[in-house]
């Protein structure tokens, strides 16, 4: 269960093998392609 989620990714609580508590930040799957396509669309709209 993620601690928090956002538009780009989310964070999970975890512990390393040595017992140290950490937060793992993970990007949404496929986010790079989504953002690239969205920016193309927004570029077209900005031009107009």
ModelCIF file with pLDDT and N, C-alpha, C, O atoms, coordinates in Angstrom:
data_MODEL
#
_entry.id   MODEL 
#
_entity.id                         1 
_entity.type                       polymer 
_entity.pdbx_number_of_molecules   1 
#
_entity_poly.entity_id                      1 
_entity_poly.type                           'polypeptide(L)' 
_entity_poly.nstd_linkage                   no 
_entity_poly.nstd_monomer                   no 
_entity_poly.pdbx_seq_one_letter_code       
;(UNK)(UNK)(UNK)(UNK)(UNK)(UNK)(UNK)(UNK)(UNK)(UNK)(UNK)(UNK)(UNK)(UNK)(UNK)(UNK)
(UNK)(UNK)(UNK)(UNK)(UNK)(UNK)(UNK)(UNK)(UNK)(UNK)(UNK)(UNK)(UNK)(UNK)(UNK)(UNK)
(UNK)(UNK)(UNK)(UNK)(UNK)(UNK)(UNK)(UNK)(UNK)(UNK)(UNK)(UNK)(UNK)(UNK)(UNK)(UNK)
;
_entity_poly.pdbx_seq_one_letter_code_can   XXXXXXXXXXXXXXXXXXXXXXXXXXXXXXXXXXXXXXXXXXXXXXXX 
_entity_poly.pdbx_strand_id                 A 
#
loop_
_entity_poly_seq.entity_id 
_entity_poly_seq.num 
_entity_poly_seq.mon_id 
_entity_poly_seq.hetero 
1 1  UNK n 
1 2  UNK n 
1 3  UNK n 
1 4  UNK n 
1 5  UNK n 
1 6  UNK n 
1 7  UNK n 
1 8  UNK n 
1 9  UNK n 
1 10 UNK n 
1 11 UNK n 
1 12 UNK n 
1 13 UNK n 
1 14 UNK n 
1 15 UNK n 
1 16 UNK n 
1 17 UNK n 
1 18 UNK n 
1 19 UNK n 
1 20 UNK n 
1 21 UNK n 
1 22 UNK n 
1 23 UNK n 
1 24 UNK n 
1 25 UNK n 
1 26 UNK n 
1 27 UNK n 
1 28 UNK n 
1 29 UNK n 
1 30 UNK n 
1 31 UNK n 
1 32 UNK n 
1 33 UNK n 
1 34 UNK n 
1 35 UNK n 
1 36 UNK n 
1 37 UNK n 
1 38 UNK n 
1 39 UNK n 
1 40 UNK n 
1 41 UNK n 
1 42 UNK n 
1 43 UNK n 
1 44 UNK n 
1 45 UNK n 
1 46 UNK n 
1 47 UNK n 
1 48 UNK n 
#
_struct_asym.id          A 
_struct_asym.entity_id   1 
#
loop_
_ma_qa_metric.id 
_ma_qa_metric.mode 
_ma_qa_metric.name 
_ma_qa_metric.software_group_id 
_ma_qa_metric.type 
1 global pLDDT . pLDDT 
2 local  pLDDT . pLDDT 
#
_ma_qa_metric_global.metric_id      1 
_ma_qa_metric_global.metric_value   94.15 
_ma_qa_metric_global.model_id       1 
_ma_qa_metric_global.ordinal_id     1 
#
loop_
_ma_qa_metric_local.label_asym_id 
_ma_qa_metric_local.label_comp_id 
_ma_qa_metric_local.label_seq_id 
_ma_qa_metric_local.metric_id 
_ma_qa_metric_local.metric_value 
_ma_qa_metric_local.model_id 
_ma_qa_metric_local.ordinal_id 
A UNK 1  2 96.00 1 1  
A UNK 2  2 97.00 1 2  
A UNK 3  2 94.00 1 3  
A UNK 4  2 92.00 1 4  
A UNK 5  2 89.00 1 5  
A UNK 6  2 85.00 1 6  
A UNK 7  2 84.00 1 7  
A UNK 8  2 90.00 1 8  
A UNK 9  2 92.00 1 9  
A UNK 10 2 94.00 1 10 
A UNK 11 2 95.00 1 11 
A UNK 12 2 97.00 1 12 
A UNK 13 2 97.00 1 13 
A UNK 14 2 98.00 1 14 
A UNK 15 2 97.00 1 15 
A UNK 16 2 97.00 1 16 
A UNK 17 2 96.00 1 17 
A UNK 18 2 96.00 1 18 
A UNK 19 2 96.00 1 19 
A UNK 20 2 95.00 1 20 
A UNK 21 2 96.00 1 21 
A UNK 22 2 97.00 1 22 
A UNK 23 2 95.00 1 23 
A UNK 24 2 97.00 1 24 
A UNK 25 2 96.00 1 25 
A UNK 26 2 96.00 1 26 
A UNK 27 2 95.00 1 27 
A UNK 28 2 92.00 1 28 
A UNK 29 2 91.00 1 29 
A UNK 30 2 91.00 1 30 
A UNK 31 2 92.00 1 31 
A UNK 32 2 92.00 1 32 
A UNK 33 2 93.00 1 33 
A UNK 34 2 92.00 1 34 
A UNK 35 2 93.00 1 35 
A UNK 36 2 94.00 1 36 
A UNK 37 2 94.00 1 37 
A UNK 38 2 94.00 1 38 
A UNK 39 2 95.00 1 39 
A UNK 40 2 95.00 1 40 
A UNK 41 2 94.00 1 41 
A UNK 42 2 94.00 1 42 
A UNK 43 2 96.00 1 43 
A UNK 44 2 97.00 1 44 
A UNK 45 2 94.00 1 45 
A UNK 46 2 95.00 1 46 
A UNK 47 2 96.00 1 47 
A UNK 48 2 96.00 1 48 
#
loop_
_atom_site.group_PDB 
_atom_site.id 
_atom_site.type_symbol 
_atom_site.label_atom_id 
_atom_site.label_alt_id 
_atom_site.label_comp_id 
_atom_site.label_asym_id 
_atom_site.label_entity_id 
_atom_site.label_seq_id 
_atom_site.pdbx_PDB_ins_code 
_atom_site.Cartn_x 
_atom_site.Cartn_y 
_atom_site.Cartn_z 
_atom_site.occupancy 
_atom_site.B_iso_or_equiv 
_atom_site.pdbx_formal_charge 
_atom_site.auth_seq_id 
_atom_site.auth_comp_id 
_atom_site.auth_asym_id 
_atom_site.auth_atom_id 
_atom_site.pdbx_PDB_model_num 
ATOM 1   N N  . UNK A 1 1  ? 0.861  -1.187 0.000   1.00 96.00 ? 1  UNK A N  1 
ATOM 2   C CA . UNK A 1 1  ? 0.000  0.000  0.000   1.00 96.00 ? 1  UNK A CA 1 
ATOM 3   C C  . UNK A 1 1  ? 0.900  1.240  0.000   1.00 96.00 ? 1  UNK A C  1 
ATOM 4   O O  . UNK A 1 1  ? 1.703  1.409  0.917   1.00 96.00 ? 1  UNK A O  1 
ATOM 5   N N  . UNK A 1 2  ? 0.782  2.111  -1.011  1.00 97.00 ? 2  UNK A N  1 
ATOM 6   C CA . UNK A 1 2  ? 1.657  3.284  -1.036  1.00 97.00 ? 2  UNK A CA 1 
ATOM 7   C C  . UNK A 1 2  ? 1.345  4.252  0.101   1.00 97.00 ? 2  UNK A C  1 
ATOM 8   O O  . UNK A 1 2  ? 0.198  4.391  0.526   1.00 97.00 ? 2  UNK A O  1 
ATOM 9   N N  . UNK A 1 3  ? 2.367  4.901  0.569   1.00 94.00 ? 3  UNK A N  1 
ATOM 10  C CA . UNK A 1 3  ? 2.218  5.949  1.584   1.00 94.00 ? 3  UNK A CA 1 
ATOM 11  C C  . UNK A 1 3  ? 1.505  7.151  0.961   1.00 94.00 ? 3  UNK A C  1 
ATOM 12  O O  . UNK A 1 3  ? 0.668  7.787  1.601   1.00 94.00 ? 3  UNK A O  1 
ATOM 13  N N  . UNK A 1 4  ? 1.843  7.453  -0.286  1.00 92.00 ? 4  UNK A N  1 
ATOM 14  C CA . UNK A 1 4  ? 1.247  8.584  -1.010  1.00 92.00 ? 4  UNK A CA 1 
ATOM 15  C C  . UNK A 1 4  ? 1.391  8.329  -2.493  1.00 92.00 ? 4  UNK A C  1 
ATOM 16  O O  . UNK A 1 4  ? 2.276  7.593  -2.929  1.00 92.00 ? 4  UNK A O  1 
ATOM 17  N N  . UNK A 1 5  ? 0.505  8.949  -3.268  1.00 89.00 ? 5  UNK A N  1 
ATOM 18  C CA . UNK A 1 5  ? 0.617  8.844  -4.720  1.00 89.00 ? 5  UNK A CA 1 
ATOM 19  C C  . UNK A 1 5  ? 0.387  10.207 -5.333  1.00 89.00 ? 5  UNK A C  1 
ATOM 20  O O  . UNK A 1 5  ? -0.369 11.031 -4.818  1.00 89.00 ? 5  UNK A O  1 
ATOM 21  N N  . UNK A 1 6  ? 1.061  10.419 -6.448  1.00 85.00 ? 6  UNK A N  1 
ATOM 22  C CA . UNK A 1 6  ? 0.949  11.680 -7.161  1.00 85.00 ? 6  UNK A CA 1 
ATOM 23  C C  . UNK A 1 6  ? 0.803  11.429 -8.645  1.00 85.00 ? 6  UNK A C  1 
ATOM 24  O O  . UNK A 1 6  ? 0.683  10.286 -9.086  1.00 85.00 ? 6  UNK A O  1 
ATOM 25  N N  . UNK A 1 7  ? 0.813  12.499 -9.407  1.00 84.00 ? 7  UNK A N  1 
ATOM 26  C CA . UNK A 1 7  ? 0.600  12.370 -10.843 1.00 84.00 ? 7  UNK A CA 1 
ATOM 27  C C  . UNK A 1 7  ? 1.780  11.704 -11.544 1.00 84.00 ? 7  UNK A C  1 
ATOM 28  O O  . UNK A 1 7  ? 1.596  11.075 -12.586 1.00 84.00 ? 7  UNK A O  1 
ATOM 29  N N  . UNK A 1 8  ? 2.980  11.829 -10.999 1.00 90.00 ? 8  UNK A N  1 
ATOM 30  C CA . UNK A 1 8  ? 4.178  11.269 -11.629 1.00 90.00 ? 8  UNK A CA 1 
ATOM 31  C C  . UNK A 1 8  ? 4.555  9.921  -11.032 1.00 90.00 ? 8  UNK A C  1 
ATOM 32  O O  . UNK A 1 8  ? 5.054  9.051  -11.746 1.00 90.00 ? 8  UNK A O  1 
ATOM 33  N N  . UNK A 1 9  ? 4.329  9.734  -9.752  1.00 92.00 ? 9  UNK A N  1 
ATOM 34  C CA . UNK A 1 9  ? 4.726  8.492  -9.107  1.00 92.00 ? 9  UNK A CA 1 
ATOM 35  C C  . UNK A 1 9  ? 4.086  8.338  -7.744  1.00 92.00 ? 9  UNK A C  1 
ATOM 36  O O  . UNK A 1 9  ? 3.142  9.047  -7.394  1.00 92.00 ? 9  UNK A O  1 
ATOM 37  N N  . UNK A 1 10 ? 4.617  7.402  -6.986  1.00 94.00 ? 10 UNK A N  1 
ATOM 38  C CA . UNK A 1 10 ? 4.119  7.174  -5.637  1.00 94.00 ? 10 UNK A CA 1 
ATOM 39  C C  . UNK A 1 10 ? 5.267  6.688  -4.773  1.00 94.00 ? 10 UNK A C  1 
ATOM 40  O O  . UNK A 1 10 ? 6.319  6.295  -5.277  1.00 94.00 ? 10 UNK A O  1 
ATOM 41  N N  . UNK A 1 11 ? 5.052  6.718  -3.456  1.00 95.00 ? 11 UNK A N  1 
ATOM 42  C CA . UNK A 1 11 ? 6.084  6.286  -2.523  1.00 95.00 ? 11 UNK A CA 1 
ATOM 43  C C  . UNK A 1 11 ? 5.569  5.138  -1.663  1.00 95.00 ? 11 UNK A C  1 
ATOM 44  O O  . UNK A 1 11 ? 4.402  5.086  -1.275  1.00 95.00 ? 11 UNK A O  1 
ATOM 45  N N  . UNK A 1 12 ? 6.490  4.223  -1.383  1.00 97.00 ? 12 UNK A N  1 
ATOM 46  C CA . UNK A 1 12 ? 6.200  3.046  -0.555  1.00 97.00 ? 12 UNK A CA 1 
ATOM 47  C C  . UNK A 1 12 ? 7.182  3.009  0.601   1.00 97.00 ? 12 UNK A C  1 
ATOM 48  O O  . UNK A 1 12 ? 8.357  3.337  0.438   1.00 97.00 ? 12 UNK A O  1 
ATOM 49  N N  . UNK A 1 13 ? 6.698  2.610  1.769   1.00 97.00 ? 13 UNK A N  1 
ATOM 50  C CA . UNK A 1 13 ? 7.577  2.347  2.903   1.00 97.00 ? 13 UNK A CA 1 
ATOM 51  C C  . UNK A 1 13 ? 8.249  1.000  2.674   1.00 97.00 ? 13 UNK A C  1 
ATOM 52  O O  . UNK A 1 13 ? 7.649  0.069  2.137   1.00 97.00 ? 13 UNK A O  1 
ATOM 53  N N  . UNK A 1 14 ? 9.513  0.918  3.095   1.00 98.00 ? 14 UNK A N  1 
ATOM 54  C CA . UNK A 1 14 ? 10.252 -0.342 2.963   1.00 98.00 ? 14 UNK A CA 1 
ATOM 55  C C  . UNK A 1 14 ? 11.361 -0.367 4.005   1.00 98.00 ? 14 UNK A C  1 
ATOM 56  O O  . UNK A 1 14 ? 11.657 0.642  4.646   1.00 98.00 ? 14 UNK A O  1 
ATOM 57  N N  . UNK A 1 15 ? 11.962 -1.524 4.161   1.00 97.00 ? 15 UNK A N  1 
ATOM 58  C CA . UNK A 1 15 ? 13.185 -1.641 4.954   1.00 97.00 ? 15 UNK A CA 1 
ATOM 59  C C  . UNK A 1 15 ? 14.215 -2.337 4.091   1.00 97.00 ? 15 UNK A C  1 
ATOM 60  O O  . UNK A 1 15 ? 13.900 -3.259 3.338   1.00 97.00 ? 15 UNK A O  1 
ATOM 61  N N  . UNK A 1 16 ? 15.452 -1.882 4.212   1.00 97.00 ? 16 UNK A N  1 
ATOM 62  C CA . UNK A 1 16 ? 16.545 -2.544 3.509   1.00 97.00 ? 16 UNK A CA 1 
ATOM 63  C C  . UNK A 1 16 ? 16.841 -3.864 4.211   1.00 97.00 ? 16 UNK A C  1 
ATOM 64  O O  . UNK A 1 16 ? 16.352 -4.103 5.315   1.00 97.00 ? 16 UNK A O  1 
ATOM 65  N N  . UNK A 1 17 ? 17.617 -4.699 3.597   1.00 96.00 ? 17 UNK A N  1 
ATOM 66  C CA . UNK A 1 17 ? 17.942 -6.011 4.174   1.00 96.00 ? 17 UNK A CA 1 
ATOM 67  C C  . UNK A 1 17 ? 18.635 -5.862 5.539   1.00 96.00 ? 17 UNK A C  1 
ATOM 68  O O  . UNK A 1 17 ? 18.539 -6.752 6.384   1.00 96.00 ? 17 UNK A O  1 
ATOM 69  N N  . UNK A 1 18 ? 19.334 -4.732 5.750   1.00 96.00 ? 18 UNK A N  1 
ATOM 70  C CA . UNK A 1 18 ? 20.020 -4.526 7.036   1.00 96.00 ? 18 UNK A CA 1 
ATOM 71  C C  . UNK A 1 18 ? 19.112 -3.893 8.095   1.00 96.00 ? 18 UNK A C  1 
ATOM 72  O O  . UNK A 1 18 ? 19.566 -3.578 9.195   1.00 96.00 ? 18 UNK A O  1 
ATOM 73  N N  . UNK A 1 19 ? 17.828 -3.708 7.762   1.00 96.00 ? 19 UNK A N  1 
ATOM 74  C CA . UNK A 1 19 ? 16.869 -3.203 8.732   1.00 96.00 ? 19 UNK A CA 1 
ATOM 75  C C  . UNK A 1 19 ? 16.610 -1.705 8.700   1.00 96.00 ? 19 UNK A C  1 
ATOM 76  O O  . UNK A 1 19 ? 15.705 -1.230 9.386   1.00 96.00 ? 19 UNK A O  1 
ATOM 77  N N  . UNK A 1 20 ? 17.381 -0.944 7.920   1.00 95.00 ? 20 UNK A N  1 
ATOM 78  C CA . UNK A 1 20 ? 17.149 0.499  7.838   1.00 95.00 ? 20 UNK A CA 1 
ATOM 79  C C  . UNK A 1 20 ? 15.821 0.781  7.136   1.00 95.00 ? 20 UNK A C  1 
ATOM 80  O O  . UNK A 1 20 ? 15.523 0.205  6.090   1.00 95.00 ? 20 UNK A O  1 
ATOM 81  N N  . UNK A 1 21 ? 15.034 1.673  7.728   1.00 96.00 ? 21 UNK A N  1 
ATOM 82  C CA . UNK A 1 21 ? 13.760 2.068  7.134   1.00 96.00 ? 21 UNK A CA 1 
ATOM 83  C C  . UNK A 1 21 ? 14.019 3.079  6.017   1.00 96.00 ? 21 UNK A C  1 
ATOM 84  O O  . UNK A 1 21 ? 14.810 4.009  6.174   1.00 96.00 ? 21 UNK A O  1 
ATOM 85  N N  . UNK A 1 22 ? 13.338 2.879  4.892   1.00 97.00 ? 22 UNK A N  1 
ATOM 86  C CA . UNK A 1 22 ? 13.500 3.767  3.741   1.00 97.00 ? 22 UNK A CA 1 
ATOM 87  C C  . UNK A 1 22 ? 12.134 4.053  3.106   1.00 97.00 ? 22 UNK A C  1 
ATOM 88  O O  . UNK A 1 22 ? 11.137 3.387  3.385   1.00 97.00 ? 22 UNK A O  1 
ATOM 89  N N  . UNK A 1 23 ? 12.137 5.043  2.266   1.00 95.00 ? 23 UNK A N  1 
ATOM 90  C CA . UNK A 1 23 ? 10.987 5.362  1.424   1.00 95.00 ? 23 UNK A CA 1 
ATOM 91  C C  . UNK A 1 23 ? 11.424 5.104  -0.018  1.00 95.00 ? 23 UNK A C  1 
ATOM 92  O O  . UNK A 1 23 ? 12.489 5.559  -0.433  1.00 95.00 ? 23 UNK A O  1 
ATOM 93  N N  . UNK A 1 24 ? 10.618 4.385  -0.772  1.00 97.00 ? 24 UNK A N  1 
ATOM 94  C CA . UNK A 1 24 ? 10.935 4.068  -2.157  1.00 97.00 ? 24 UNK A CA 1 
ATOM 95  C C  . UNK A 1 24 ? 9.975  4.853  -3.053  1.00 97.00 ? 24 UNK A C  1 
ATOM 96  O O  . UNK A 1 24 ? 8.759  4.665  -3.001  1.00 97.00 ? 24 UNK A O  1 
ATOM 97  N N  . UNK A 1 25 ? 10.543 5.727  -3.867  1.00 96.00 ? 25 UNK A N  1 
ATOM 98  C CA . UNK A 1 25 ? 9.739  6.529  -4.784  1.00 96.00 ? 25 UNK A CA 1 
ATOM 99  C C  . UNK A 1 25 ? 9.798  5.868  -6.154  1.00 96.00 ? 25 UNK A C  1 
ATOM 100 O O  . UNK A 1 25 ? 10.878 5.599  -6.679  1.00 96.00 ? 25 UNK A O  1 
ATOM 101 N N  . UNK A 1 26 ? 8.624  5.610  -6.729  1.00 96.00 ? 26 UNK A N  1 
ATOM 102 C CA . UNK A 1 26 ? 8.524  4.855  -7.980  1.00 96.00 ? 26 UNK A CA 1 
ATOM 103 C C  . UNK A 1 26 ? 7.687  5.641  -8.978  1.00 96.00 ? 26 UNK A C  1 
ATOM 104 O O  . UNK A 1 26 ? 6.590  6.095  -8.655  1.00 96.00 ? 26 UNK A O  1 
ATOM 105 N N  . UNK A 1 27 ? 8.209  5.801  -10.194 1.00 95.00 ? 27 UNK A N  1 
ATOM 106 C CA . UNK A 1 27 ? 7.443  6.490  -11.232 1.00 95.00 ? 27 UNK A CA 1 
ATOM 107 C C  . UNK A 1 27 ? 6.310  5.611  -11.756 1.00 95.00 ? 27 UNK A C  1 
ATOM 108 O O  . UNK A 1 27 ? 6.391  4.383  -11.752 1.00 95.00 ? 27 UNK A O  1 
ATOM 109 N N  . UNK A 1 28 ? 5.266  6.274  -12.201 1.00 92.00 ? 28 UNK A N  1 
ATOM 110 C CA . UNK A 1 28 ? 4.152  5.565  -12.828 1.00 92.00 ? 28 UNK A CA 1 
ATOM 111 C C  . UNK A 1 28 ? 4.655  4.851  -14.082 1.00 92.00 ? 28 UNK A C  1 
ATOM 112 O O  . UNK A 1 28 ? 5.469  5.400  -14.824 1.00 92.00 ? 28 UNK A O  1 
ATOM 113 N N  . UNK A 1 29 ? 4.177  3.639  -14.319 1.00 91.00 ? 29 UNK A N  1 
ATOM 114 C CA . UNK A 1 29 ? 4.576  2.914  -15.532 1.00 91.00 ? 29 UNK A CA 1 
ATOM 115 C C  . UNK A 1 29 ? 4.192  3.702  -16.793 1.00 91.00 ? 29 UNK A C  1 
ATOM 116 O O  . UNK A 1 29 ? 3.069  4.192  -16.920 1.00 91.00 ? 29 UNK A O  1 
ATOM 117 N N  . UNK A 1 30 ? 5.138  3.808  -17.707 1.00 91.00 ? 30 UNK A N  1 
ATOM 118 C CA . UNK A 1 30 ? 4.880  4.466  -18.991 1.00 91.00 ? 30 UNK A CA 1 
ATOM 119 C C  . UNK A 1 30 ? 4.743  5.972  -18.932 1.00 91.00 ? 30 UNK A C  1 
ATOM 120 O O  . UNK A 1 30 ? 4.306  6.586  -19.906 1.00 91.00 ? 30 UNK A O  1 
ATOM 121 N N  . UNK A 1 31 ? 5.106  6.590  -17.806 1.00 92.00 ? 31 UNK A N  1 
ATOM 122 C CA . UNK A 1 31 ? 4.884  8.020  -17.635 1.00 92.00 ? 31 UNK A CA 1 
ATOM 123 C C  . UNK A 1 31 ? 5.651  8.861  -18.659 1.00 92.00 ? 31 UNK A C  1 
ATOM 124 O O  . UNK A 1 31 ? 5.160  9.899  -19.101 1.00 92.00 ? 31 UNK A O  1 
ATOM 125 N N  . UNK A 1 32 ? 6.845  8.418  -19.033 1.00 92.00 ? 32 UNK A N  1 
ATOM 126 C CA . UNK A 1 32 ? 7.647  9.204  -19.976 1.00 92.00 ? 32 UNK A CA 1 
ATOM 127 C C  . UNK A 1 32 ? 6.914  9.377  -21.306 1.00 92.00 ? 32 UNK A C  1 
ATOM 128 O O  . UNK A 1 32 ? 6.842  10.485 -21.836 1.00 92.00 ? 32 UNK A O  1 
ATOM 129 N N  . UNK A 1 33 ? 6.377  8.298  -21.839 1.00 93.00 ? 33 UNK A N  1 
ATOM 130 C CA . UNK A 1 33 ? 5.662  8.361  -23.120 1.00 93.00 ? 33 UNK A CA 1 
ATOM 131 C C  . UNK A 1 33 ? 4.379  9.174  -22.991 1.00 93.00 ? 33 UNK A C  1 
ATOM 132 O O  . UNK A 1 33 ? 4.020  9.927  -23.897 1.00 93.00 ? 33 UNK A O  1 
ATOM 133 N N  . UNK A 1 34 ? 3.697  9.023  -21.876 1.00 92.00 ? 34 UNK A N  1 
ATOM 134 C CA . UNK A 1 34 ? 2.456  9.781  -21.652 1.00 92.00 ? 34 UNK A CA 1 
ATOM 135 C C  . UNK A 1 34 ? 2.750  11.274 -21.635 1.00 92.00 ? 34 UNK A C  1 
ATOM 136 O O  . UNK A 1 34 ? 2.060  12.055 -22.290 1.00 92.00 ? 34 UNK A O  1 
ATOM 137 N N  . UNK A 1 35 ? 3.772  11.670 -20.887 1.00 93.00 ? 35 UNK A N  1 
ATOM 138 C CA . UNK A 1 35 ? 4.122  13.088 -20.790 1.00 93.00 ? 35 UNK A CA 1 
ATOM 139 C C  . UNK A 1 35 ? 4.560  13.621 -22.147 1.00 93.00 ? 35 UNK A C  1 
ATOM 140 O O  . UNK A 1 35 ? 4.182  14.730 -22.523 1.00 93.00 ? 35 UNK A O  1 
ATOM 141 N N  . UNK A 1 36 ? 5.341  12.858 -22.879 1.00 94.00 ? 36 UNK A N  1 
ATOM 142 C CA . UNK A 1 36 ? 5.789  13.280 -24.208 1.00 94.00 ? 36 UNK A CA 1 
ATOM 143 C C  . UNK A 1 36 ? 4.589  13.543 -25.128 1.00 94.00 ? 36 UNK A C  1 
ATOM 144 O O  . UNK A 1 36 ? 4.537  14.572 -25.801 1.00 94.00 ? 36 UNK A O  1 
ATOM 145 N N  . UNK A 1 37 ? 3.642  12.626 -25.154 1.00 94.00 ? 37 UNK A N  1 
ATOM 146 C CA . UNK A 1 37 ? 2.452  12.811 -25.986 1.00 94.00 ? 37 UNK A CA 1 
ATOM 147 C C  . UNK A 1 37 ? 1.605  13.982 -25.526 1.00 94.00 ? 37 UNK A C  1 
ATOM 148 O O  . UNK A 1 37 ? 1.093  14.747 -26.344 1.00 94.00 ? 37 UNK A O  1 
ATOM 149 N N  . UNK A 1 38 ? 1.458  14.121 -24.214 1.00 94.00 ? 38 UNK A N  1 
ATOM 150 C CA . UNK A 1 38 ? 0.681  15.237 -23.675 1.00 94.00 ? 38 UNK A CA 1 
ATOM 151 C C  . UNK A 1 38 ? 1.332  16.575 -24.010 1.00 94.00 ? 38 UNK A C  1 
ATOM 152 O O  . UNK A 1 38 ? 0.641  17.539 -24.338 1.00 94.00 ? 38 UNK A O  1 
ATOM 153 N N  . UNK A 1 39 ? 2.649  16.636 -23.928 1.00 95.00 ? 39 UNK A N  1 
ATOM 154 C CA . UNK A 1 39 ? 3.360  17.882 -24.242 1.00 95.00 ? 39 UNK A CA 1 
ATOM 155 C C  . UNK A 1 39 ? 3.200  18.248 -25.714 1.00 95.00 ? 39 UNK A C  1 
ATOM 156 O O  . UNK A 1 39 ? 3.106  19.426 -26.058 1.00 95.00 ? 39 UNK A O  1 
ATOM 157 N N  . UNK A 1 40 ? 3.168  17.242 -26.576 1.00 95.00 ? 40 UNK A N  1 
ATOM 158 C CA . UNK A 1 40 ? 2.910  17.507 -27.993 1.00 95.00 ? 40 UNK A CA 1 
ATOM 159 C C  . UNK A 1 40 ? 1.536  18.137 -28.178 1.00 95.00 ? 40 UNK A C  1 
ATOM 160 O O  . UNK A 1 40 ? 1.385  19.116 -28.909 1.00 95.00 ? 40 UNK A O  1 
ATOM 161 N N  . UNK A 1 41 ? 0.543  17.572 -27.513 1.00 94.00 ? 41 UNK A N  1 
ATOM 162 C CA . UNK A 1 41 ? -0.812 18.111 -27.594 1.00 94.00 ? 41 UNK A CA 1 
ATOM 163 C C  . UNK A 1 41 ? -0.878 19.527 -27.024 1.00 94.00 ? 41 UNK A C  1 
ATOM 164 O O  . UNK A 1 41 ? -1.472 20.415 -27.636 1.00 94.00 ? 41 UNK A O  1 
ATOM 165 N N  . UNK A 1 42 ? -0.278 19.739 -25.867 1.00 94.00 ? 42 UNK A N  1 
ATOM 166 C CA . UNK A 1 42 ? -0.280 21.073 -25.264 1.00 94.00 ? 42 UNK A CA 1 
ATOM 167 C C  . UNK A 1 42 ? 0.485  22.073 -26.129 1.00 94.00 ? 42 UNK A C  1 
ATOM 168 O O  . UNK A 1 42 ? 0.123  23.249 -26.181 1.00 94.00 ? 42 UNK A O  1 
ATOM 169 N N  . UNK A 1 43 ? 1.538  21.618 -26.807 1.00 96.00 ? 43 UNK A N  1 
ATOM 170 C CA . UNK A 1 43 ? 2.270  22.480 -27.731 1.00 96.00 ? 43 UNK A CA 1 
ATOM 171 C C  . UNK A 1 43 ? 1.383  22.931 -28.878 1.00 96.00 ? 43 UNK A C  1 
ATOM 172 O O  . UNK A 1 43 ? 1.403  24.099 -29.268 1.00 96.00 ? 43 UNK A O  1 
ATOM 173 N N  . UNK A 1 44 ? 0.615  22.012 -29.411 1.00 97.00 ? 44 UNK A N  1 
ATOM 174 C CA . UNK A 1 44 ? -0.323 22.333 -30.486 1.00 97.00 ? 44 UNK A CA 1 
ATOM 175 C C  . UNK A 1 44 ? -1.353 23.367 -29.993 1.00 97.00 ? 44 UNK A C  1 
ATOM 176 O O  . UNK A 1 44 ? -1.662 24.332 -30.692 1.00 97.00 ? 44 UNK A O  1 
ATOM 177 N N  . UNK A 1 45 ? -1.877 23.146 -28.779 1.00 94.00 ? 45 UNK A N  1 
ATOM 178 C CA . UNK A 1 45 ? -2.853 24.084 -28.223 1.00 94.00 ? 45 UNK A CA 1 
ATOM 179 C C  . UNK A 1 45 ? -2.232 25.455 -27.956 1.00 94.00 ? 45 UNK A C  1 
ATOM 180 O O  . UNK A 1 45 ? -2.876 26.479 -28.185 1.00 94.00 ? 45 UNK A O  1 
ATOM 181 N N  . UNK A 1 46 ? -0.995 25.483 -27.475 1.00 95.00 ? 46 UNK A N  1 
ATOM 182 C CA . UNK A 1 46 ? -0.318 26.753 -27.209 1.00 95.00 ? 46 UNK A CA 1 
ATOM 183 C C  . UNK A 1 46 ? -0.100 27.534 -28.499 1.00 95.00 ? 46 UNK A C  1 
ATOM 184 O O  . UNK A 1 46 ? -0.257 28.754 -28.531 1.00 95.00 ? 46 UNK A O  1 
ATOM 185 N N  . UNK A 1 47 ? 0.263  26.822 -29.557 1.00 96.00 ? 47 UNK A N  1 
ATOM 186 C CA . UNK A 1 47 ? 0.422  27.469 -30.867 1.00 96.00 ? 47 UNK A CA 1 
ATOM 187 C C  . UNK A 1 47 ? -0.883 28.148 -31.295 1.00 96.00 ? 47 UNK A C  1 
ATOM 188 O O  . UNK A 1 47 ? -0.882 29.294 -31.743 1.00 96.00 ? 47 UNK A O  1 
ATOM 189 N N  . UNK A 1 48 ? -1.990 27.425 -31.149 1.00 96.00 ? 48 UNK A N  1 
ATOM 190 C CA . UNK A 1 48 ? -3.305 27.978 -31.526 1.00 96.00 ? 48 UNK A CA 1 
ATOM 191 C C  . UNK A 1 48 ? -3.665 29.168 -30.637 1.00 96.00 ? 48 UNK A C  1 
ATOM 192 O O  . UNK A 1 48 ? -4.730 29.762 -30.803 1.00 96.00 ? 48 UNK A O  1 
#
